[in-house]
Protein backbone atom coordinates (compact mmCIF):
# COMPACT_ATOMS: atom_id res chain seq x y z
CA MET A 1 -11.91 5.10 16.62
CA PRO A 2 -8.16 4.75 17.25
CA TYR A 3 -6.13 2.85 14.69
CA ALA A 4 -2.62 1.44 14.53
CA GLY A 5 -0.43 1.57 11.45
CA VAL A 6 1.90 -1.38 11.02
CA ASN A 7 4.58 -0.90 8.37
CA PHE A 8 5.62 -4.42 7.33
CA THR A 9 9.05 -4.33 5.69
CA MET A 10 11.53 -6.99 4.65
CA PRO A 11 15.27 -7.09 3.91
CA ASP A 12 16.18 -5.54 0.56
CA VAL A 13 17.76 -8.86 -0.47
CA LEU A 14 14.22 -10.22 -0.91
CA TRP A 15 12.92 -7.33 -3.03
CA PRO A 16 14.25 -8.72 -6.36
CA ILE A 17 12.43 -12.01 -5.74
CA PHE A 18 9.05 -10.29 -5.68
CA GLN A 19 10.14 -7.90 -8.42
CA GLN A 20 10.76 -10.87 -10.73
CA ASN A 21 7.72 -12.83 -9.51
CA ARG A 22 4.82 -10.40 -9.46
CA HIS A 23 2.31 -13.23 -8.99
CA LEU A 24 3.85 -13.74 -5.55
CA LEU A 25 3.69 -10.03 -4.84
CA HIS A 26 -0.11 -10.16 -5.08
CA ASP A 27 -0.29 -12.59 -2.13
CA LEU A 28 1.60 -10.40 0.34
CA PRO A 29 -1.40 -8.33 1.54
CA ALA A 30 -3.23 -11.53 2.52
CA ILE A 31 -0.12 -12.75 4.34
CA ALA A 32 0.23 -9.48 6.30
CA ALA A 33 -3.47 -9.56 7.20
CA ALA A 34 -3.20 -13.19 8.34
CA VAL A 35 -0.33 -12.24 10.67
CA ILE A 36 -2.41 -9.44 12.22
CA GLN A 37 -5.49 -11.62 12.57
CA GLN A 38 -3.50 -14.41 14.22
CA TYR A 39 -1.95 -11.91 16.63
CA LEU A 40 -5.34 -10.44 17.61
CA LYS A 41 -6.93 -13.86 17.98
CA THR A 42 -4.12 -15.32 20.07
CA ARG A 43 -3.59 -12.35 22.39
CA TYR A 44 -7.09 -10.88 22.69
CA GLY A 45 -9.50 -13.35 21.10
CA VAL A 46 -10.91 -10.68 18.78
CA ARG A 47 -11.22 -9.76 15.11
CA GLY A 48 -10.46 -6.23 13.95
CA PHE A 49 -10.67 -3.95 10.94
CA ILE A 50 -7.68 -4.49 8.64
CA MET A 51 -6.66 -2.55 5.52
CA VAL A 52 -3.46 -3.32 3.62
CA VAL A 53 -1.85 -0.95 1.12
CA PRO A 54 1.08 -2.43 -0.87
CA HIS A 55 3.83 0.08 -1.56
CA THR A 56 6.60 -0.68 -4.06
CA PHE A 57 8.54 2.51 -4.76
CA GLY A 58 11.32 4.34 -2.94
CA ARG A 59 12.67 7.85 -3.25
CA ARG A 60 14.83 6.93 -6.25
CA LEU A 61 11.87 5.14 -7.86
CA ASN A 62 13.69 1.93 -6.99
CA PHE A 63 11.72 -1.21 -6.12
CA ASN A 64 11.32 -0.82 -2.34
CA LEU A 65 8.69 -3.28 -1.14
CA HIS A 66 6.72 -2.78 2.06
CA LEU A 67 3.09 -2.89 3.16
CA GLN A 68 1.25 -0.15 5.02
CA THR A 69 -1.27 -1.97 7.22
CA LEU A 70 -3.98 -0.13 9.14
CA VAL A 71 -5.61 -2.00 12.02
CA SER A 72 -8.31 -0.97 14.45
CA ALA A 73 -6.99 -0.63 18.01
CA GLY A 74 -9.89 -2.77 19.15
CA GLY A 75 -11.84 -5.79 18.02
CA ALA A 76 -15.06 -7.78 18.25
CA ARG A 77 -15.05 -10.79 20.55
CA ALA A 78 -17.34 -13.47 19.16
CA SER A 79 -17.75 -15.35 22.46
CA ASP A 80 -19.83 -12.63 24.12
CA GLY A 81 -20.43 -10.08 21.35
CA CYS A 82 -18.36 -7.36 23.06
CA TRP A 83 -16.02 -4.79 21.58
CA ILE A 84 -12.62 -5.05 23.26
CA ALA A 85 -10.44 -1.94 23.31
CA PRO A 86 -7.75 -0.87 23.38
CA VAL A 87 -5.47 -3.56 21.99
CA GLN A 88 -1.72 -3.10 21.86
CA PHE A 89 0.57 -4.21 19.05
CA ASP A 90 3.97 -5.52 20.07
CA LYS A 91 6.55 -5.51 17.28
CA GLN A 92 8.69 -7.95 19.27
CA VAL A 93 5.90 -10.48 18.67
CA LEU A 94 4.66 -9.33 15.25
CA MET A 95 8.09 -9.25 13.60
CA PRO A 96 8.90 -12.99 14.05
CA MET A 97 5.38 -13.88 12.89
CA TRP A 98 5.78 -11.73 9.76
CA ARG A 99 9.28 -13.05 9.07
CA TYR A 100 8.15 -16.66 9.43
CA ALA A 101 5.12 -16.11 7.17
CA VAL A 102 7.13 -14.52 4.32
CA ILE A 103 10.04 -16.97 4.40
CA THR A 104 7.69 -19.97 4.61
CA PHE A 105 5.68 -18.59 1.68
CA LEU A 106 8.82 -18.23 -0.45
CA ARG A 107 10.10 -21.68 0.50
CA GLU A 108 6.80 -23.27 -0.47
CA ALA A 109 6.75 -21.33 -3.74
CA LEU A 110 10.27 -22.55 -4.49
CA GLN A 111 9.31 -26.13 -3.70
CA ALA A 112 6.22 -25.87 -5.92
CA LYS A 113 8.43 -24.49 -8.73
CA VAL A 114 6.39 -21.30 -9.12
CA LEU A 115 9.30 -19.04 -8.14
CA GLN A 116 11.86 -17.97 -10.71
CA SER A 117 15.24 -16.53 -9.77
CA VAL A 118 18.50 -15.59 -11.47
CA VAL A 119 20.30 -17.59 -8.79
CA GLY A 120 20.04 -21.35 -8.44
CA PRO A 121 17.63 -23.08 -6.03
CA GLU A 122 20.36 -24.02 -3.55
CA LYS A 123 21.73 -20.49 -3.37
CA LEU A 124 18.21 -19.13 -2.99
CA LYS A 125 17.59 -21.54 -0.11
CA ALA A 126 20.74 -20.25 1.55
CA ILE A 127 19.56 -16.66 1.10
CA LEU A 128 16.20 -17.46 2.69
CA ARG A 129 17.89 -19.23 5.57
CA THR A 130 20.17 -16.25 6.22
CA GLN A 131 17.33 -13.73 6.07
CA TYR A 132 15.23 -15.84 8.41
CA GLU A 133 17.95 -15.65 11.05
CA ARG A 134 18.28 -11.86 11.03
CA TRP A 135 16.12 -9.11 12.53
CA TRP A 136 13.51 -7.45 10.31
CA ASN A 137 12.51 -3.87 11.00
CA ILE A 138 8.81 -3.09 11.29
CA HIS A 139 7.31 0.17 12.47
CA ILE A 140 4.11 0.70 14.47
CA ALA A 141 2.34 4.06 14.75
CA HIS A 142 -0.98 5.09 16.28
CA PHE A 143 -3.73 7.24 14.75
CA THR A 144 -7.08 8.68 15.78
CA SER A 145 -8.93 10.48 12.99
CA ASN A 146 -6.28 11.00 10.30
CA PHE A 147 -5.59 7.39 9.37
CA LEU A 148 -7.41 7.68 6.03
CA ARG A 149 -5.22 10.59 5.01
CA TYR A 150 -2.18 8.54 6.02
CA ALA A 151 -3.27 5.59 3.91
CA GLY A 152 -4.46 7.81 1.08
CA ARG A 153 -0.88 8.94 0.44
CA TYR A 154 -0.14 5.49 -0.96
CA ILE A 155 -3.35 4.77 -2.86
CA ARG A 156 -3.47 5.53 -6.57
CA ARG A 157 -0.77 8.17 -6.34
CA LEU A 158 2.05 8.46 -8.84
CA PRO A 159 5.47 7.39 -7.57
CA ILE A 160 6.82 10.88 -8.25
CA ALA A 161 5.18 14.31 -8.06
CA GLN A 162 5.37 16.62 -11.05
CA HIS A 163 7.04 19.43 -9.10
CA ARG A 164 10.07 17.19 -8.44
CA PHE A 165 11.07 17.13 -12.13
CA VAL A 166 14.00 19.45 -12.75
CA LYS A 167 14.69 18.88 -16.45
CA ILE A 168 13.53 16.50 -19.16
CA THR A 169 15.54 16.18 -22.37
CA ASP A 170 15.41 13.82 -25.32
CA GLN A 171 17.89 11.55 -23.56
CA GLU A 172 17.46 11.98 -19.79
CA VAL A 173 15.06 12.75 -16.96
CA HIS A 174 16.32 14.73 -13.96
CA PHE A 175 14.30 14.94 -10.74
CA LEU A 176 14.77 15.85 -7.09
CA ARG A 177 14.77 13.32 -4.27
CA LYS A 178 15.46 13.61 -0.58
CA ASP A 179 18.68 11.93 0.53
CA LEU A 180 18.18 10.80 4.14
CA LYS A 181 21.90 10.22 4.72
CA LEU A 182 22.98 13.64 3.42
CA LYS A 183 19.78 15.23 4.81
CA LYS A 184 19.25 17.35 1.72
CA TRP A 185 17.59 17.29 -1.70
CA VAL A 186 19.72 15.91 -4.52
CA VAL A 187 19.19 15.49 -8.28
CA THR A 188 18.78 11.99 -9.68
CA SER A 189 19.07 11.24 -13.40
CA TYR A 190 17.74 8.42 -15.56
CA LEU A 191 17.98 7.70 -19.25
CA ILE A 192 14.53 7.99 -20.82
CA LYS A 193 14.19 4.27 -21.48
CA ASP A 194 15.41 3.40 -17.97
CA PHE A 195 13.02 5.92 -16.41
CA VAL A 196 10.01 4.50 -18.27
CA SER A 197 11.05 0.94 -17.42
CA THR A 198 11.54 1.80 -13.74
CA LEU A 199 8.25 3.68 -13.54
CA ALA A 200 6.35 0.81 -15.19
CA GLU A 201 7.34 -1.57 -12.39
CA HIS A 202 5.16 0.38 -9.97
CA VAL A 203 2.00 0.24 -12.07
CA PRO A 204 -0.41 -2.26 -10.46
CA ASP A 205 -1.24 -5.26 -12.59
CA ARG A 206 -4.69 -5.44 -14.13
CA TYR A 207 -7.49 -6.18 -11.64
CA GLN A 208 -5.13 -5.67 -8.68
CA HIS A 209 -6.52 -3.33 -6.05
CA ALA A 210 -4.51 -0.53 -4.47
CA ILE A 211 -6.03 -1.34 -1.07
CA ARG A 212 -7.19 -4.69 0.31
CA TYR A 213 -9.70 -5.29 3.13
CA PHE A 214 -9.55 -8.11 5.66
CA GLY A 215 -10.93 -9.09 9.05
CA LEU A 216 -14.18 -7.31 9.86
CA LEU A 217 -13.78 -5.25 6.67
CA ALA A 218 -13.59 -8.27 4.37
CA PRO A 219 -16.44 -8.02 1.83
CA GLY A 220 -18.10 -11.26 2.95
CA THR A 221 -17.89 -10.35 6.64
CA LYS A 222 -18.74 -6.67 6.36
CA SER A 223 -22.21 -7.24 4.92
CA LYS A 224 -23.10 -9.65 7.74
CA MET A 225 -21.51 -7.83 10.69
CA THR A 226 -22.19 -4.14 10.04
CA ALA A 227 -25.36 -3.86 12.14
CA ALA A 228 -23.86 -5.87 15.01
CA LEU A 229 -20.67 -3.78 15.02
CA PHE A 230 -22.54 -0.51 15.27
CA ALA A 231 -24.53 -1.97 18.17
CA MET A 232 -21.30 -3.04 19.93
CA LEU A 233 -19.81 0.43 19.51
CA GLY A 234 -23.04 2.21 20.49
CA GLN A 235 -23.03 4.22 17.29
CA GLU A 236 -25.52 4.98 14.54
CA LYS A 237 -24.65 4.37 10.93
CA ARG A 238 -24.38 7.65 9.08
CA ALA A 239 -25.81 8.19 5.64
CA ARG A 240 -23.37 7.69 2.79
CA PRO A 241 -21.88 11.09 1.85
CA ARG A 242 -22.35 12.57 -1.58
CA ARG A 243 -19.76 11.33 -4.01
CA LEU A 244 -17.34 14.09 -5.01
CA SER A 245 -16.60 14.79 -8.62
CA TRP A 246 -13.04 14.33 -9.82
CA ALA A 247 -12.45 18.11 -9.72
CA GLU A 248 -13.88 18.46 -6.19
CA SER A 249 -11.79 15.55 -4.98
CA LEU A 250 -8.55 17.04 -6.34
CA CYS A 251 -9.42 20.44 -4.91
CA LYS A 252 -10.09 18.95 -1.48
CA ASP A 253 -6.89 16.90 -1.34
CA PHE A 254 -4.45 19.27 -3.05
CA GLY A 255 -6.03 22.70 -2.49
CA ARG A 256 -6.13 23.55 -6.18
CA ASN A 257 -9.04 23.49 -8.59
CA PRO A 258 -7.94 21.65 -11.77
CA LEU A 259 -10.60 23.53 -13.74
CA VAL A 260 -8.93 26.89 -13.04
CA ASP A 261 -5.96 27.78 -15.24
CA LYS A 262 -2.77 29.58 -14.19
CA SER A 263 -4.37 32.96 -14.87
CA GLY A 264 -7.21 32.24 -12.47
CA VAL A 265 -9.76 31.86 -15.26
CA ARG A 266 -12.18 28.99 -14.86
CA MET A 267 -12.28 26.63 -17.81
CA ARG A 268 -15.67 25.73 -19.19
CA TRP A 269 -17.02 23.15 -21.59
CA VAL A 270 -17.54 24.47 -25.11
CA SER A 271 -17.91 21.54 -27.45
CA ARG A 272 -16.33 18.33 -28.62
CA MET A 273 -14.20 18.70 -31.74
CA LYS A 274 -14.60 16.15 -34.46
CA SER A 275 -11.46 14.34 -35.52
CA GLU A 276 -10.18 14.73 -39.07
CA LYS A 277 -10.85 11.05 -39.66
CA CYS A 278 -14.52 11.45 -38.76
CA SER A 279 -14.82 14.61 -40.83
CA ALA A 280 -13.33 12.91 -43.87
CA ALA A 281 -15.72 10.00 -43.50
């Protein structure tokens, strides 16, 4: 089934607002999904599969907020029970809807006094007014079978890969990042305390999911519509595949068995060592 990837971004002026108000950050996936659902309903009269993956980090580990949204390039029409495909996504229409939804959300949060900011309310209102009048960049891509791998890059991955670390001392951390303006790899440095503080900002809050499901994939809808959807698509539901172990999963995704050491020798379980505290007791 073809899918479309909609990368919902916002001006960097708004990033600190969500950085300082993480409770508002948690509502953004639902807002992005509502924009997509309204677009599909208005233009095609259908509901589609929607998955939203919040992404908070940039190449410098800075707070760079955007949402990777995967949407089926087709949808179920409730009026006659037909699957309508393909559907096209027009960023000239989606962008104003997304911009309006985010700015309205922030204005209502400010009015309800659940938004904190280092600037005063009047200055913040001016900022929101200015950002509402400018163009926001969003990107739309199309996928066929590799959309899960695309989304998987942003789900439960660390903001920085281990191979990018150049040097770690008692005072600083040095790592490589790709500079898009210079078009080359450069070294970025952080003090240890700043690095830990920066990295901590990208750790999801407790009970917050790395991926959210909406539309026909919403938990309440999925259980009721699964059989009907397979009938619409003329497909048979496949048996659930065997769950991979953690080692098999890492080997499949990264091509390296974590149970094999650098010498090529496979590690094996020997025994659990008792702690000194337990032995003394």
